[in-house]
């Protein structure tokens, strides 16, 4: 089964998607929405690509390497944005994004 081959990456993708969704939701509740707008944007992009890649790997996509490369780039950008904010949810999201970016870079190689 295709998903067994990618299970560790699928787990990391799911964790990142959850962290980004949590950060997205928490950012919407922060006082200064203008300051958080880029974080919210990147959270959304990252959660979406992680969720898509998780599904694609589960069904044995022939584009694993290409999708993983794009996902790594987006996760890295989200992590970089999140780490500029002092909120706990942003720090946790940045950690999950960097972990996911690393796993995706390995898959893309």
Protein backbone atom coordinates (compact mmCIF):
# COMPACT_ATOMS: atom_id res chain seq x y z
CA UNK A 1 0.00 0.00 0.00
CA UNK A 2 1.26 3.44 -0.94
CA UNK A 3 0.41 5.12 2.33
CA UNK A 4 2.61 2.72 4.33
CA UNK A 5 5.65 3.82 2.33
CA UNK A 6 5.00 7.45 3.29
CA UNK A 7 3.48 7.01 6.77
CA UNK A 8 6.12 8.99 8.67
CA UNK A 9 5.80 11.93 6.25
CA UNK A 10 2.00 11.69 6.37
CA UNK A 11 2.15 11.95 10.17
CA UNK A 12 4.39 15.04 10.01
CA UNK A 13 2.15 16.63 7.38
CA UNK A 14 -0.90 16.06 9.55
CA UNK A 15 0.80 17.56 12.60
CA UNK A 16 1.82 20.62 10.59
CA UNK A 17 -1.66 21.04 9.15
CA UNK A 18 -3.14 20.93 12.65
CA UNK A 19 -0.57 23.41 14.01
CA UNK A 20 -1.24 25.81 11.13
CA UNK A 21 -5.00 25.54 11.56
CA UNK A 22 -4.66 26.22 15.29
CA UNK A 23 -2.35 29.17 14.66
CA UNK A 24 -4.69 30.52 11.98
CA UNK A 25 -7.63 30.40 14.37
CA UNK A 26 -5.65 31.91 17.25
CA UNK A 27 -4.28 34.70 15.03
CA UNK A 28 -7.82 35.68 14.10
CA UNK A 29 -8.44 36.33 17.81
CA UNK A 30 -5.36 38.47 18.36
CA UNK A 31 -5.82 42.19 18.93
CA UNK A 32 -3.79 43.52 16.02
CA UNK A 33 -5.18 41.81 12.92
CA UNK A 34 -3.07 43.91 10.55
CA UNK A 35 0.12 42.71 12.24
CA UNK A 36 -1.09 39.08 11.99
CA UNK A 37 -2.36 39.23 8.40
CA UNK A 38 0.69 37.62 6.78
CA UNK A 39 0.81 34.93 9.47
CA UNK A 40 -2.84 34.13 8.82
CA UNK A 41 -2.22 34.02 5.06
CA UNK A 42 0.77 31.68 5.39
CA UNK A 43 -1.03 29.48 7.94
CA UNK A 44 -3.84 28.97 5.46
CA UNK A 45 -1.52 28.20 2.54
CA UNK A 46 0.55 25.80 4.59
CA UNK A 47 -2.41 23.94 6.10
CA UNK A 48 -3.93 23.53 2.65
CA UNK A 49 -0.80 22.17 0.96
CA UNK A 50 -0.04 19.84 3.88
CA UNK A 51 -3.59 18.48 3.81
CA UNK A 52 -3.44 18.01 0.06
CA UNK A 53 -0.05 16.27 0.13
CA UNK A 54 -1.22 14.03 2.97
CA UNK A 55 -4.14 12.89 0.84
CA UNK A 56 -2.06 12.57 -2.32
CA UNK A 57 0.55 10.39 -0.60
CA UNK A 58 -2.20 8.25 0.90
CA UNK A 59 -3.46 7.43 -2.55
CA UNK A 60 -0.04 6.87 -4.10
CA UNK A 61 0.39 10.01 -6.20
CA UNK A 62 2.98 9.79 -8.97
CA UNK A 63 3.88 13.44 -8.17
CA UNK A 64 5.18 12.87 -4.63
CA UNK A 65 8.55 14.51 -5.26
CA UNK A 66 7.15 17.58 -7.04
CA UNK A 67 4.41 18.15 -4.47
CA UNK A 68 6.81 17.61 -1.58
CA UNK A 69 9.14 20.24 -3.03
CA UNK A 70 6.34 22.80 -3.17
CA UNK A 71 5.17 21.84 0.30
CA UNK A 72 8.68 22.26 1.73
CA UNK A 73 8.91 25.76 0.27
CA UNK A 74 5.52 26.79 1.68
CA UNK A 75 6.20 25.24 5.10
CA UNK A 76 9.54 27.03 5.29
CA UNK A 77 7.91 30.38 4.44
CA UNK A 78 5.16 29.82 7.02
CA UNK A 79 7.70 28.88 9.67
CA UNK A 80 9.76 31.99 8.93
CA UNK A 81 6.68 34.20 9.27
CA UNK A 82 5.43 32.51 12.42
CA UNK A 83 8.78 32.77 14.17
CA UNK A 84 8.63 36.58 13.89
CA UNK A 85 5.69 36.63 16.33
CA UNK A 86 5.95 36.08 20.06
CA UNK A 87 2.71 34.17 20.51
CA UNK A 88 2.97 30.60 21.77
CA UNK A 89 0.75 29.32 18.96
CA UNK A 90 3.05 30.94 16.40
CA UNK A 91 6.15 29.40 17.97
CA UNK A 92 4.57 25.94 17.97
CA UNK A 93 3.45 26.42 14.39
CA UNK A 94 6.94 27.50 13.30
CA UNK A 95 8.43 24.37 14.88
CA UNK A 96 5.90 22.13 13.11
CA UNK A 97 6.49 23.91 9.81
CA UNK A 98 10.27 23.55 9.96
CA UNK A 99 9.94 19.87 10.86
CA UNK A 100 7.55 19.34 7.96
CA UNK A 101 9.73 21.30 5.53
CA UNK A 102 12.67 19.06 6.40
CA UNK A 103 10.62 15.87 5.87
CA UNK A 104 9.30 17.18 2.56
CA UNK A 105 12.76 18.18 1.33
CA UNK A 106 13.93 14.62 1.99
CA UNK A 107 10.97 13.24 0.08
CA UNK A 108 11.56 15.65 -2.81
CA UNK A 109 15.22 14.67 -3.13
